[in-house]
Amino acid sequence: MSNMAAELGAQAGLIAPDEITAEYINNAGGKLPQDWQSYRIETPDLEGEALRFDASSLAPQIAAPHSPANADDAEAFRNIPLDIAYIGACTGAKYVDLKAAAKLLRGRSVAKGVTLKVAPASLLDQKQAKADGTMQILEEAGAQFLPTSCGICAGYGSDRLLEGQVCLSSTARNFRGRMGAANSKVYLASPYTVAASAITGEMTDPRHLMEV
């Protein structure tokens, strides 16, 4: 949520820490200041609107080029082929994301003509996924591993998208030319949806493979 605040015109997005935040930082080896619970911004005079959503009723989503706002149910993009399936960068390749992808890819293979590229969010995530066999599952399915960096997400390196390529990515942004060639097309989805689509070779609602 904080990462996407820029799309709303904000300079930064801040979310007050809670016990879950503290637990995560401690487990990751970080250090919390003694007064971490006081890290709050009080805005009693701020006018706003509270929005509540039932996420359990939301179908898996895919965002079409060239904006994260172009989202619709994954089923609406059914049969659109892809060249690159990308699970990577800070927002879309955390340990839980790698586990999600492996859940679908276990015992399956990436479709012919599709390249699955995986760039773990951090060395810690990569180490944890390697220790429990998650990385092996991804490798056996045909994944290619990239360094833990922004990489393709920001259009860096030799793996950036080529002319006309279609990519389904677990990253947060798909602006024109961001991940490579200006005429490449980037769709956004969850790691589940990216993994399912890598298996079928076309945009796929992951629930179809979960039911198999």
N, C-alpha and C. Protein backbone atom coordinates (compact mmCIF):
# COMPACT_ATOMS: atom_id res chain seq x y z
N MET A 1 0.83 -1.20 0.00
CA MET A 1 0.00 0.00 0.00
C MET A 1 0.86 1.25 0.00
N SER A 2 1.90 1.27 0.84
CA SER A 2 2.78 2.43 0.86
C SER A 2 3.49 2.60 -0.47
N ASN A 3 3.88 1.47 -1.07
CA ASN A 3 4.60 1.50 -2.33
C ASN A 3 3.79 2.16 -3.43
N MET A 4 2.49 1.95 -3.41
CA MET A 4 1.63 2.47 -4.48
C MET A 4 1.06 3.86 -4.20
N ALA A 5 1.47 4.48 -3.09
CA ALA A 5 0.94 5.80 -2.75
C ALA A 5 1.27 6.84 -3.83
N ALA A 6 2.38 6.64 -4.52
CA ALA A 6 2.78 7.59 -5.57
C ALA A 6 1.73 7.69 -6.66
N GLU A 7 1.01 6.57 -6.93
CA GLU A 7 -0.01 6.60 -7.97
C GLU A 7 -1.20 7.48 -7.59
N LEU A 8 -1.32 7.81 -6.32
CA LEU A 8 -2.38 8.71 -5.86
C LEU A 8 -1.89 10.14 -5.73
N GLY A 9 -0.64 10.37 -6.13
CA GLY A 9 -0.08 11.71 -6.09
C GLY A 9 0.63 12.05 -4.81
N ALA A 10 0.81 11.07 -3.92
CA ALA A 10 1.47 11.32 -2.63
C ALA A 10 2.98 11.27 -2.76
N GLN A 11 3.67 12.02 -1.93
CA GLN A 11 5.12 11.97 -1.88
C GLN A 11 5.59 10.69 -1.17
N ALA A 12 4.79 10.25 -0.22
CA ALA A 12 5.12 9.03 0.52
C ALA A 12 3.86 8.47 1.15
N GLY A 13 3.87 7.18 1.44
CA GLY A 13 2.75 6.55 2.13
C GLY A 13 3.25 5.95 3.43
N LEU A 14 2.68 6.34 4.54
CA LEU A 14 3.11 5.86 5.85
C LEU A 14 1.98 5.09 6.53
N ILE A 15 2.31 3.94 7.09
CA ILE A 15 1.34 3.14 7.83
C ILE A 15 1.90 2.90 9.22
N ALA A 16 1.14 3.25 10.24
CA ALA A 16 1.61 3.10 11.61
C ALA A 16 1.95 1.64 11.91
N PRO A 17 3.09 1.38 12.55
CA PRO A 17 3.47 -0.01 12.86
C PRO A 17 2.59 -0.59 13.96
N ASP A 18 2.44 -1.91 13.92
CA ASP A 18 1.69 -2.61 14.96
C ASP A 18 2.50 -3.83 15.42
N GLU A 19 1.88 -4.69 16.20
CA GLU A 19 2.60 -5.84 16.73
C GLU A 19 3.07 -6.79 15.63
N ILE A 20 2.29 -6.90 14.57
CA ILE A 20 2.67 -7.76 13.44
C ILE A 20 3.92 -7.20 12.77
N THR A 21 3.97 -5.88 12.62
CA THR A 21 5.14 -5.22 12.04
C THR A 21 6.37 -5.50 12.90
N ALA A 22 6.20 -5.34 14.22
CA ALA A 22 7.32 -5.55 15.14
C ALA A 22 7.82 -6.98 15.08
N GLU A 23 6.90 -7.93 15.02
CA GLU A 23 7.28 -9.34 14.96
C GLU A 23 8.07 -9.64 13.69
N TYR A 24 7.62 -9.07 12.58
CA TYR A 24 8.30 -9.29 11.30
C TYR A 24 9.73 -8.75 11.35
N ILE A 25 9.89 -7.53 11.86
CA ILE A 25 11.21 -6.92 11.92
C ILE A 25 12.13 -7.71 12.83
N ASN A 26 11.62 -8.14 13.96
CA ASN A 26 12.43 -8.94 14.89
C ASN A 26 12.86 -10.26 14.25
N ASN A 27 11.93 -10.94 13.56
CA ASN A 27 12.24 -12.21 12.92
C ASN A 27 13.24 -12.05 11.78
N ALA A 28 13.23 -10.86 11.17
CA ALA A 28 14.14 -10.60 10.05
C ALA A 28 15.51 -10.13 10.52
N GLY A 29 15.68 -10.01 11.85
CA GLY A 29 16.97 -9.61 12.39
C GLY A 29 17.14 -8.12 12.55
N GLY A 30 16.06 -7.36 12.37
CA GLY A 30 16.14 -5.92 12.51
C GLY A 30 16.07 -5.48 13.96
N LYS A 31 16.29 -4.20 14.19
CA LYS A 31 16.24 -3.64 15.54
C LYS A 31 15.18 -2.56 15.62
N LEU A 32 14.33 -2.67 16.59
CA LEU A 32 13.27 -1.68 16.79
C LEU A 32 13.66 -0.71 17.90
N PRO A 33 13.38 0.57 17.71
CA PRO A 33 13.62 1.53 18.79
C PRO A 33 12.63 1.27 19.93
N GLN A 34 13.01 1.64 21.13
CA GLN A 34 12.17 1.40 22.29
C GLN A 34 10.79 2.05 22.16
N ASP A 35 10.75 3.19 21.50
CA ASP A 35 9.50 3.94 21.40
C ASP A 35 8.78 3.73 20.08
N TRP A 36 8.94 2.54 19.48
CA TRP A 36 8.36 2.31 18.15
C TRP A 36 6.84 2.49 18.13
N GLN A 37 6.17 2.23 19.24
CA GLN A 37 4.71 2.35 19.28
C GLN A 37 4.24 3.80 19.23
N SER A 38 5.15 4.73 19.41
CA SER A 38 4.78 6.15 19.35
C SER A 38 4.93 6.72 17.94
N TYR A 39 5.34 5.87 16.99
CA TYR A 39 5.52 6.32 15.61
C TYR A 39 4.17 6.42 14.92
N ARG A 40 3.45 7.46 15.25
CA ARG A 40 2.13 7.68 14.66
C ARG A 40 1.95 9.15 14.32
N ILE A 41 1.17 9.39 13.31
CA ILE A 41 0.86 10.76 12.91
C ILE A 41 -0.59 11.02 13.24
N GLU A 42 -0.80 11.93 14.15
CA GLU A 42 -2.17 12.27 14.56
C GLU A 42 -2.72 13.37 13.66
N THR A 43 -3.83 13.10 13.01
CA THR A 43 -4.45 14.09 12.11
C THR A 43 -5.93 14.20 12.44
N PRO A 44 -6.24 14.76 13.61
CA PRO A 44 -7.66 14.81 14.04
C PRO A 44 -8.54 15.66 13.14
N ASP A 45 -7.96 16.64 12.44
CA ASP A 45 -8.78 17.53 11.62
C ASP A 45 -8.83 17.09 10.16
N LEU A 46 -8.20 15.96 9.86
CA LEU A 46 -8.15 15.50 8.48
C LEU A 46 -9.51 14.95 8.04
N GLU A 47 -9.99 15.45 6.91
CA GLU A 47 -11.24 14.94 6.36
C GLU A 47 -10.94 13.81 5.39
N GLY A 48 -11.68 12.76 5.50
CA GLY A 48 -11.43 11.64 4.62
C GLY A 48 -12.62 10.71 4.54
N GLU A 49 -12.44 9.63 3.84
CA GLU A 49 -13.50 8.65 3.65
C GLU A 49 -12.95 7.26 3.92
N ALA A 50 -13.64 6.52 4.74
CA ALA A 50 -13.21 5.15 5.05
C ALA A 50 -13.85 4.19 4.05
N LEU A 51 -13.02 3.35 3.44
CA LEU A 51 -13.49 2.38 2.47
C LEU A 51 -13.24 0.97 3.00
N ARG A 52 -14.22 0.12 2.91
CA ARG A 52 -14.07 -1.26 3.37
C ARG A 52 -14.40 -2.21 2.21
N PHE A 53 -13.56 -3.23 2.07
CA PHE A 53 -13.74 -4.18 0.99
C PHE A 53 -13.69 -5.60 1.54
N ASP A 54 -14.49 -6.46 0.98
CA ASP A 54 -14.47 -7.87 1.33
C ASP A 54 -13.55 -8.57 0.34
N ALA A 55 -12.30 -8.72 0.72
CA ALA A 55 -11.32 -9.30 -0.19
C ALA A 55 -11.64 -10.74 -0.56
N SER A 56 -12.38 -11.44 0.30
CA SER A 56 -12.70 -12.84 0.03
C SER A 56 -13.62 -13.00 -1.19
N SER A 57 -14.31 -11.92 -1.55
CA SER A 57 -15.22 -11.99 -2.70
C SER A 57 -14.58 -11.49 -3.99
N LEU A 58 -13.31 -11.08 -3.91
CA LEU A 58 -12.62 -10.52 -5.07
C LEU A 58 -11.94 -11.63 -5.86
N ALA A 59 -12.22 -11.69 -7.15
CA ALA A 59 -11.57 -12.67 -8.02
C ALA A 59 -10.12 -12.25 -8.25
N PRO A 60 -9.24 -13.19 -8.58
CA PRO A 60 -7.86 -12.82 -8.93
C PRO A 60 -7.88 -11.76 -10.02
N GLN A 61 -7.00 -10.77 -9.88
CA GLN A 61 -7.00 -9.62 -10.78
C GLN A 61 -5.77 -9.61 -11.69
N ILE A 62 -5.95 -9.02 -12.86
CA ILE A 62 -4.84 -8.72 -13.77
C ILE A 62 -5.01 -7.28 -14.21
N ALA A 63 -3.90 -6.54 -14.23
CA ALA A 63 -3.93 -5.15 -14.71
C ALA A 63 -3.28 -5.09 -16.08
N ALA A 64 -4.00 -4.54 -17.03
CA ALA A 64 -3.52 -4.47 -18.41
C ALA A 64 -2.59 -3.27 -18.61
N PRO A 65 -1.77 -3.28 -19.66
CA PRO A 65 -0.93 -2.12 -19.97
C PRO A 65 -1.81 -0.89 -20.19
N HIS A 66 -1.34 0.29 -19.83
CA HIS A 66 -0.04 0.61 -19.25
C HIS A 66 -0.24 1.29 -17.91
N SER A 67 -1.12 0.75 -17.07
CA SER A 67 -1.37 1.33 -15.76
C SER A 67 -1.90 0.27 -14.80
N PRO A 68 -1.49 0.32 -13.54
CA PRO A 68 -2.05 -0.60 -12.54
C PRO A 68 -3.56 -0.41 -12.37
N ALA A 69 -4.08 0.74 -12.81
CA ALA A 69 -5.51 1.01 -12.67
C ALA A 69 -6.35 0.22 -13.66
N ASN A 70 -5.72 -0.36 -14.67
CA ASN A 70 -6.46 -1.11 -15.70
C ASN A 70 -6.74 -2.53 -15.26
N ALA A 71 -7.26 -2.68 -14.07
CA ALA A 71 -7.46 -4.01 -13.51
C ALA A 71 -8.85 -4.56 -13.77
N ASP A 72 -8.90 -5.88 -13.92
CA ASP A 72 -10.17 -6.58 -14.10
C ASP A 72 -9.95 -8.02 -13.64
N ASP A 73 -11.03 -8.78 -13.56
CA ASP A 73 -10.91 -10.19 -13.19
C ASP A 73 -9.98 -10.91 -14.17
N ALA A 74 -9.17 -11.81 -13.66
CA ALA A 74 -8.23 -12.53 -14.52
C ALA A 74 -8.94 -13.21 -15.69
N GLU A 75 -10.14 -13.65 -15.45
CA GLU A 75 -10.90 -14.35 -16.50
C GLU A 75 -11.13 -13.46 -17.72
N ALA A 76 -11.15 -12.14 -17.51
CA ALA A 76 -11.38 -11.20 -18.63
C ALA A 76 -10.21 -11.19 -19.60
N PHE A 77 -9.05 -11.71 -19.18
CA PHE A 77 -7.87 -11.72 -20.04
C PHE A 77 -7.54 -13.11 -20.55
N ARG A 78 -8.48 -13.99 -20.39
CA ARG A 78 -8.27 -15.38 -20.77
C ARG A 78 -7.84 -15.50 -22.23
N ASN A 79 -6.90 -16.41 -22.50
CA ASN A 79 -6.40 -16.73 -23.83
C ASN A 79 -5.41 -15.72 -24.40
N ILE A 80 -5.06 -14.67 -23.64
CA ILE A 80 -4.02 -13.75 -24.11
C ILE A 80 -2.66 -14.40 -23.85
N PRO A 81 -1.88 -14.64 -24.91
CA PRO A 81 -0.59 -15.32 -24.73
C PRO A 81 0.47 -14.40 -24.12
N LEU A 82 1.51 -15.00 -23.55
CA LEU A 82 2.60 -14.22 -22.97
C LEU A 82 3.94 -14.83 -23.34
N ASP A 83 4.96 -14.00 -23.34
CA ASP A 83 6.32 -14.46 -23.62
C ASP A 83 7.12 -14.65 -22.33
N ILE A 84 6.95 -13.70 -21.41
CA ILE A 84 7.71 -13.71 -20.16
C ILE A 84 6.76 -13.75 -18.97
N ALA A 85 7.02 -14.66 -18.05
CA ALA A 85 6.33 -14.67 -16.76
C ALA A 85 7.39 -14.27 -15.74
N TYR A 86 7.14 -13.18 -15.02
CA TYR A 86 8.17 -12.65 -14.13
C TYR A 86 7.68 -12.56 -12.70
N ILE A 87 8.35 -13.27 -11.82
CA ILE A 87 8.09 -13.20 -10.39
C ILE A 87 9.33 -12.59 -9.77
N GLY A 88 9.25 -11.29 -9.41
CA GLY A 88 10.47 -10.65 -8.96
C GLY A 88 10.27 -9.32 -8.28
N ALA A 89 11.38 -8.79 -7.82
CA ALA A 89 11.51 -7.47 -7.19
C ALA A 89 10.89 -7.44 -5.79
N CYS A 90 10.96 -6.27 -5.16
CA CYS A 90 10.60 -6.16 -3.74
C CYS A 90 9.14 -6.44 -3.45
N THR A 91 8.25 -6.10 -4.38
CA THR A 91 6.82 -6.25 -4.09
C THR A 91 6.24 -7.60 -4.47
N GLY A 92 6.92 -8.36 -5.32
CA GLY A 92 6.28 -9.56 -5.85
C GLY A 92 7.06 -10.84 -5.77
N ALA A 93 8.15 -10.86 -4.99
CA ALA A 93 8.92 -12.11 -4.91
C ALA A 93 9.45 -12.33 -3.51
N LYS A 94 8.65 -11.95 -2.51
CA LYS A 94 9.00 -12.24 -1.13
C LYS A 94 8.89 -13.75 -0.91
N TYR A 95 9.34 -14.20 0.24
CA TYR A 95 9.30 -15.64 0.52
C TYR A 95 7.90 -16.22 0.33
N VAL A 96 6.89 -15.52 0.86
CA VAL A 96 5.52 -16.02 0.73
C VAL A 96 5.09 -16.07 -0.74
N ASP A 97 5.61 -15.15 -1.55
CA ASP A 97 5.27 -15.15 -2.97
C ASP A 97 5.92 -16.33 -3.69
N LEU A 98 7.16 -16.60 -3.35
CA LEU A 98 7.85 -17.74 -3.95
C LEU A 98 7.15 -19.05 -3.56
N LYS A 99 6.70 -19.13 -2.32
CA LYS A 99 5.96 -20.30 -1.86
C LYS A 99 4.65 -20.46 -2.63
N ALA A 100 3.97 -19.33 -2.86
CA ALA A 100 2.70 -19.37 -3.59
C ALA A 100 2.92 -19.90 -5.00
N ALA A 101 3.94 -19.41 -5.66
CA ALA A 101 4.23 -19.86 -7.02
C ALA A 101 4.59 -21.34 -7.04
N ALA A 102 5.39 -21.76 -6.07
CA ALA A 102 5.81 -23.16 -6.01
C ALA A 102 4.63 -24.09 -5.78
N LYS A 103 3.64 -23.62 -5.06
CA LYS A 103 2.45 -24.44 -4.79
C LYS A 103 1.79 -24.87 -6.10
N LEU A 104 1.76 -23.98 -7.07
CA LEU A 104 1.16 -24.31 -8.36
C LEU A 104 2.14 -25.03 -9.29
N LEU A 105 3.42 -24.69 -9.20
CA LEU A 105 4.41 -25.22 -10.13
C LEU A 105 4.93 -26.61 -9.74
N ARG A 106 4.66 -27.03 -8.52
CA ARG A 106 5.13 -28.35 -8.09
C ARG A 106 4.61 -29.44 -9.03
N GLY A 107 5.51 -30.21 -9.61
CA GLY A 107 5.14 -31.30 -10.50
C GLY A 107 4.68 -30.86 -11.87
N ARG A 108 4.76 -29.57 -12.16
CA ARG A 108 4.35 -29.05 -13.47
C ARG A 108 5.54 -28.38 -14.16
N SER A 109 5.35 -28.05 -15.43
CA SER A 109 6.41 -27.39 -16.20
C SER A 109 5.90 -26.12 -16.87
N VAL A 110 6.81 -25.21 -17.08
CA VAL A 110 6.48 -23.98 -17.79
C VAL A 110 6.15 -24.31 -19.24
N ALA A 111 5.14 -23.66 -19.78
CA ALA A 111 4.69 -23.94 -21.15
C ALA A 111 5.77 -23.63 -22.17
N LYS A 112 5.73 -24.36 -23.26
CA LYS A 112 6.67 -24.12 -24.36
C LYS A 112 6.45 -22.72 -24.91
N GLY A 113 7.54 -22.00 -25.13
CA GLY A 113 7.44 -20.65 -25.67
C GLY A 113 7.36 -19.57 -24.60
N VAL A 114 7.24 -19.99 -23.33
CA VAL A 114 7.19 -19.04 -22.22
C VAL A 114 8.45 -19.17 -21.38
N THR A 115 8.99 -18.03 -20.98
CA THR A 115 10.15 -18.02 -20.09
C THR A 115 9.72 -17.51 -18.73
N LEU A 116 9.93 -18.31 -17.69
CA LEU A 116 9.64 -17.91 -16.32
C LEU A 116 10.92 -17.43 -15.67
N LYS A 117 10.93 -16.16 -15.29
CA LYS A 117 12.11 -15.59 -14.64
C LYS A 117 11.74 -15.23 -13.19
N VAL A 118 12.62 -15.62 -12.27
CA VAL A 118 12.37 -15.40 -10.85
C VAL A 118 13.55 -14.65 -10.24
N ALA A 119 13.25 -13.52 -9.60
CA ALA A 119 14.26 -12.73 -8.90
C ALA A 119 13.79 -12.52 -7.47
N PRO A 120 14.25 -13.34 -6.53
CA PRO A 120 13.80 -13.21 -5.14
C PRO A 120 13.97 -11.79 -4.60
N ALA A 121 13.07 -11.40 -3.72
CA ALA A 121 13.06 -10.02 -3.22
C ALA A 121 14.31 -9.68 -2.42
N SER A 122 14.90 -10.65 -1.74
CA SER A 122 16.09 -10.39 -0.94
C SER A 122 16.89 -11.68 -0.79
N LEU A 123 18.12 -11.54 -0.34
CA LEU A 123 18.94 -12.72 -0.09
C LEU A 123 18.34 -13.56 1.03
N LEU A 124 17.70 -12.90 2.00
CA LEU A 124 17.06 -13.62 3.09
C LEU A 124 15.92 -14.47 2.58
N ASP A 125 15.07 -13.89 1.70
CA ASP A 125 13.97 -14.66 1.10
C ASP A 125 14.51 -15.82 0.27
N GLN A 126 15.56 -15.55 -0.48
CA GLN A 126 16.16 -16.58 -1.32
C GLN A 126 16.72 -17.72 -0.48
N LYS A 127 17.40 -17.37 0.61
CA LYS A 127 17.98 -18.39 1.49
C LYS A 127 16.91 -19.25 2.11
N GLN A 128 15.83 -18.62 2.56
CA GLN A 128 14.74 -19.36 3.20
C GLN A 128 14.06 -20.28 2.20
N ALA A 129 13.85 -19.78 0.97
CA ALA A 129 13.19 -20.58 -0.07
C ALA A 129 14.08 -21.73 -0.53
N LYS A 130 15.38 -21.51 -0.49
CA LYS A 130 16.30 -22.58 -0.87
C LYS A 130 16.35 -23.65 0.20
N ALA A 131 16.30 -23.23 1.45
CA ALA A 131 16.41 -24.18 2.57
C ALA A 131 15.23 -25.14 2.62
N ASP A 132 14.04 -24.68 2.27
CA ASP A 132 12.86 -25.57 2.38
C ASP A 132 12.47 -26.22 1.06
N GLY A 133 13.30 -26.05 0.04
CA GLY A 133 13.04 -26.73 -1.23
C GLY A 133 12.20 -25.95 -2.22
N THR A 134 11.77 -24.75 -1.86
CA THR A 134 10.93 -23.96 -2.76
C THR A 134 11.67 -23.62 -4.04
N MET A 135 12.93 -23.21 -3.92
CA MET A 135 13.71 -22.85 -5.10
C MET A 135 13.90 -24.06 -6.02
N GLN A 136 14.04 -25.23 -5.45
CA GLN A 136 14.21 -26.45 -6.25
C GLN A 136 12.95 -26.74 -7.06
N ILE A 137 11.78 -26.54 -6.43
CA ILE A 137 10.52 -26.75 -7.14
C ILE A 137 10.43 -25.81 -8.34
N LEU A 138 10.78 -24.55 -8.14
CA LEU A 138 10.73 -23.57 -9.21
C LEU A 138 11.71 -23.94 -10.33
N GLU A 139 12.90 -24.37 -9.93
CA GLU A 139 13.91 -24.75 -10.92
C GLU A 139 13.47 -25.95 -11.74
N GLU A 140 12.91 -26.95 -11.07
CA GLU A 140 12.46 -28.15 -11.77
C GLU A 140 11.32 -27.86 -12.73
N ALA A 141 10.56 -26.81 -12.45
CA ALA A 141 9.45 -26.41 -13.33
C ALA A 141 9.96 -25.66 -14.55
N GLY A 142 11.24 -25.22 -14.50
CA GLY A 142 11.82 -24.53 -15.64
C GLY A 142 12.14 -23.07 -15.42
N ALA A 143 12.10 -22.61 -14.18
CA ALA A 143 12.36 -21.20 -13.89
C ALA A 143 13.84 -20.86 -14.10
N GLN A 144 14.06 -19.64 -14.55
CA GLN A 144 15.41 -19.07 -14.64
C GLN A 144 15.55 -18.07 -13.50
N PHE A 145 16.65 -18.14 -12.75
CA PHE A 145 16.82 -17.27 -11.60
C PHE A 145 17.69 -16.07 -11.94
N LEU A 146 17.24 -14.91 -11.45
CA LEU A 146 17.96 -13.65 -11.64
C LEU A 146 18.43 -13.15 -10.28
N PRO A 147 19.38 -12.21 -10.26
CA PRO A 147 19.86 -11.66 -8.98
C PRO A 147 18.75 -10.97 -8.21
N THR A 148 18.93 -10.88 -6.89
CA THR A 148 17.97 -10.18 -6.04
C THR A 148 18.20 -8.67 -6.18
N SER A 149 17.48 -8.07 -7.11
CA SER A 149 17.62 -6.63 -7.36
C SER A 149 16.37 -6.15 -8.07
N CYS A 150 16.32 -4.84 -8.33
CA CYS A 150 15.17 -4.28 -9.07
C CYS A 150 15.08 -4.90 -10.45
N GLY A 151 16.21 -5.07 -11.11
CA GLY A 151 16.27 -5.78 -12.37
C GLY A 151 15.23 -5.37 -13.40
N ILE A 152 14.51 -6.36 -13.92
CA ILE A 152 13.55 -6.11 -14.99
C ILE A 152 12.46 -5.13 -14.55
N CYS A 153 12.10 -5.14 -13.28
CA CYS A 153 11.03 -4.27 -12.79
C CYS A 153 11.27 -2.82 -13.19
N ALA A 154 12.53 -2.39 -13.15
CA ALA A 154 12.87 -1.02 -13.51
C ALA A 154 13.58 -0.94 -14.86
N GLY A 155 13.54 -2.04 -15.61
CA GLY A 155 14.12 -2.03 -16.95
C GLY A 155 15.63 -2.10 -16.98
N TYR A 156 16.24 -2.66 -15.93
CA TYR A 156 17.70 -2.74 -15.87
C TYR A 156 18.21 -4.08 -16.41
N GLY A 157 19.44 -4.08 -16.86
CA GLY A 157 20.13 -5.32 -17.19
C GLY A 157 19.77 -5.91 -18.55
N SER A 158 20.43 -7.02 -18.84
CA SER A 158 20.26 -7.67 -20.14
C SER A 158 18.94 -8.42 -20.26
N ASP A 159 18.22 -8.59 -19.15
CA ASP A 159 16.96 -9.32 -19.19
C ASP A 159 15.76 -8.41 -19.41
N ARG A 160 15.99 -7.10 -19.62
CA ARG A 160 14.88 -6.18 -19.87
C ARG A 160 14.07 -6.63 -21.07
N LEU A 161 12.80 -6.25 -21.12
CA LEU A 161 11.91 -6.71 -22.18
C LEU A 161 12.33 -6.21 -23.54
N LEU A 162 12.20 -7.08 -24.53
CA LEU A 162 12.56 -6.74 -25.90
C LEU A 162 11.36 -6.19 -26.67
N GLU A 163 11.59 -5.77 -27.88
CA GLU A 163 10.54 -5.20 -28.73
C GLU A 163 9.37 -6.17 -28.84
N GLY A 164 8.17 -5.68 -28.51
CA GLY A 164 6.95 -6.43 -28.72
C GLY A 164 6.68 -7.56 -27.74
N GLN A 165 7.54 -7.79 -26.78
CA GLN A 165 7.33 -8.89 -25.84
C GLN A 165 6.16 -8.59 -24.89
N VAL A 166 5.46 -9.65 -24.53
CA VAL A 166 4.36 -9.55 -23.58
C VAL A 166 4.79 -10.22 -22.28
N CYS A 167 4.69 -9.48 -21.18
CA CYS A 167 5.13 -9.98 -19.89
C CYS A 167 4.00 -9.93 -18.88
N LEU A 168 3.84 -11.00 -18.11
CA LEU A 168 2.93 -10.99 -16.97
C LEU A 168 3.81 -10.97 -15.74
N SER A 169 3.70 -9.90 -14.95
CA SER A 169 4.66 -9.65 -13.88
C SER A 169 3.98 -9.52 -12.52
N SER A 170 4.68 -9.97 -11.48
CA SER A 170 4.16 -9.84 -10.12
C SER A 170 4.62 -8.53 -9.46
N THR A 171 5.16 -7.62 -10.26
CA THR A 171 5.62 -6.34 -9.74
C THR A 171 4.46 -5.36 -9.64
N ALA A 172 4.76 -4.10 -9.26
CA ALA A 172 3.70 -3.16 -8.91
C ALA A 172 3.35 -2.16 -10.01
N ARG A 173 4.19 -2.02 -11.02
CA ARG A 173 3.94 -0.97 -12.02
C ARG A 173 4.18 -1.50 -13.43
N ASN A 174 3.41 -0.98 -14.37
CA ASN A 174 3.52 -1.43 -15.76
C ASN A 174 3.42 -0.28 -16.75
N PHE A 175 4.02 0.87 -16.41
CA PHE A 175 3.98 2.01 -17.30
C PHE A 175 4.76 1.71 -18.58
N ARG A 176 4.38 2.37 -19.65
CA ARG A 176 4.99 2.13 -20.96
C ARG A 176 6.52 2.29 -20.90
N GLY A 177 7.22 1.26 -21.32
CA GLY A 177 8.67 1.31 -21.37
C GLY A 177 9.38 1.10 -20.05
N ARG A 178 8.66 0.94 -18.96
CA ARG A 178 9.31 0.82 -17.65
C ARG A 178 10.20 -0.42 -17.57
N MET A 179 9.75 -1.53 -18.13
CA MET A 179 10.49 -2.77 -17.99
C MET A 179 11.31 -3.13 -19.22
N GLY A 180 11.40 -2.19 -20.16
CA GLY A 180 12.19 -2.46 -21.36
C GLY A 180 11.70 -1.67 -22.55
N ALA A 181 11.58 -2.33 -23.70
CA ALA A 181 11.20 -1.66 -24.93
C ALA A 181 9.86 -0.94 -24.79
N ALA A 182 9.75 0.22 -25.44
CA ALA A 182 8.55 1.04 -25.33
C ALA A 182 7.31 0.34 -25.87
N ASN A 183 7.49 -0.58 -26.81
CA ASN A 183 6.32 -1.26 -27.38
C ASN A 183 6.11 -2.65 -26.76
N SER A 184 6.82 -2.95 -25.68
CA SER A 184 6.52 -4.18 -24.94
C SER A 184 5.25 -3.95 -24.13
N LYS A 185 4.61 -5.03 -23.73
CA LYS A 185 3.37 -4.92 -22.97
C LYS A 185 3.51 -5.66 -21.65
N VAL A 186 3.21 -4.96 -20.55
CA VAL A 186 3.35 -5.55 -19.22
C VAL A 186 1.98 -5.61 -18.55
N TYR A 187 1.60 -6.81 -18.17
CA TYR A 187 0.39 -7.05 -17.38
C TYR A 187 0.84 -7.35 -15.95
N LEU A 188 0.05 -6.97 -14.98
CA LEU A 188 0.39 -7.21 -13.58
C LEU A 188 -0.56 -8.22 -12.96
N ALA A 189 -0.04 -9.06 -12.08
CA ALA A 189 -0.87 -10.06 -11.42
C ALA A 189 -0.16 -10.57 -10.18
N SER A 190 -0.84 -11.40 -9.41
CA SER A 190 -0.25 -12.01 -8.22
C SER A 190 0.70 -13.13 -8.63
N PRO A 191 1.61 -13.54 -7.74
CA PRO A 191 2.48 -14.67 -8.05
C PRO A 191 1.70 -15.94 -8.41
N TYR A 192 0.55 -16.15 -7.77
CA TYR A 192 -0.30 -17.30 -8.13
C TYR A 192 -0.69 -17.23 -9.61
N THR A 193 -1.17 -16.06 -10.03
CA THR A 193 -1.64 -15.90 -11.41
C THR A 193 -0.49 -15.97 -12.40
N VAL A 194 0.66 -15.40 -12.04
CA VAL A 194 1.83 -15.47 -12.92
C VAL A 194 2.26 -16.92 -13.10
N ALA A 195 2.30 -17.67 -12.00
CA ALA A 195 2.71 -19.07 -12.08
C ALA A 195 1.73 -19.90 -12.91
N ALA A 196 0.44 -19.69 -12.68
CA ALA A 196 -0.58 -20.43 -13.44
C ALA A 196 -0.47 -20.12 -14.93
N SER A 197 -0.24 -18.88 -15.25
CA SER A 197 -0.16 -18.45 -16.65
C SER A 197 1.12 -18.97 -17.31
N ALA A 198 2.19 -19.09 -16.52
CA ALA A 198 3.43 -19.66 -17.05
C ALA A 198 3.22 -21.12 -17.44
N ILE A 199 2.38 -21.80 -16.70
CA ILE A 199 2.10 -23.22 -16.96
C ILE A 199 1.24 -23.39 -18.21
N THR A 200 0.24 -22.54 -18.36
CA THR A 200 -0.70 -22.69 -19.48
C THR A 200 -0.24 -21.96 -20.75
N GLY A 201 0.63 -20.95 -20.57
CA GLY A 201 1.10 -20.19 -21.72
C GLY A 201 0.20 -19.03 -22.09
N GLU A 202 -0.82 -18.79 -21.28
CA GLU A 202 -1.73 -17.68 -21.53
C GLU A 202 -2.29 -17.18 -20.20
N MET A 203 -2.83 -15.97 -20.19
CA MET A 203 -3.36 -15.41 -18.96
C MET A 203 -4.41 -16.37 -18.37
N THR A 204 -4.23 -16.72 -17.11
CA THR A 204 -5.07 -17.76 -16.51
C THR A 204 -5.45 -17.42 -15.07
N ASP A 205 -6.70 -17.61 -14.75
CA ASP A 205 -7.16 -17.50 -13.37
C ASP A 205 -6.56 -18.70 -12.62
N PRO A 206 -5.72 -18.47 -11.60
CA PRO A 206 -5.04 -19.58 -10.95
C PRO A 206 -5.96 -20.59 -10.29
N ARG A 207 -7.19 -20.19 -10.02
CA ARG A 207 -8.11 -21.11 -9.36
C ARG A 207 -8.42 -22.31 -10.25
N HIS A 208 -8.27 -22.15 -11.57
CA HIS A 208 -8.51 -23.29 -12.46
C HIS A 208 -7.49 -24.41 -12.20
N LEU A 209 -6.25 -24.04 -11.89
CA LEU A 209 -5.23 -25.06 -11.65
C LEU A 209 -5.27 -25.55 -10.21
N MET A 210 -5.76 -24.71 -9.31
CA MET A 210 -5.87 -25.13 -7.92
C MET A 210 -6.91 -26.21 -7.75
N GLU A 211 -7.88 -26.24 -8.66
CA GLU A 211 -8.97 -27.20 -8.57
C GLU A 211 -8.60 -28.55 -9.15
N VAL A 212 -7.48 -28.58 -9.90
CA VAL A 212 -7.07 -29.82 -10.55
C VAL A 212 -6.41 -30.77 -9.56
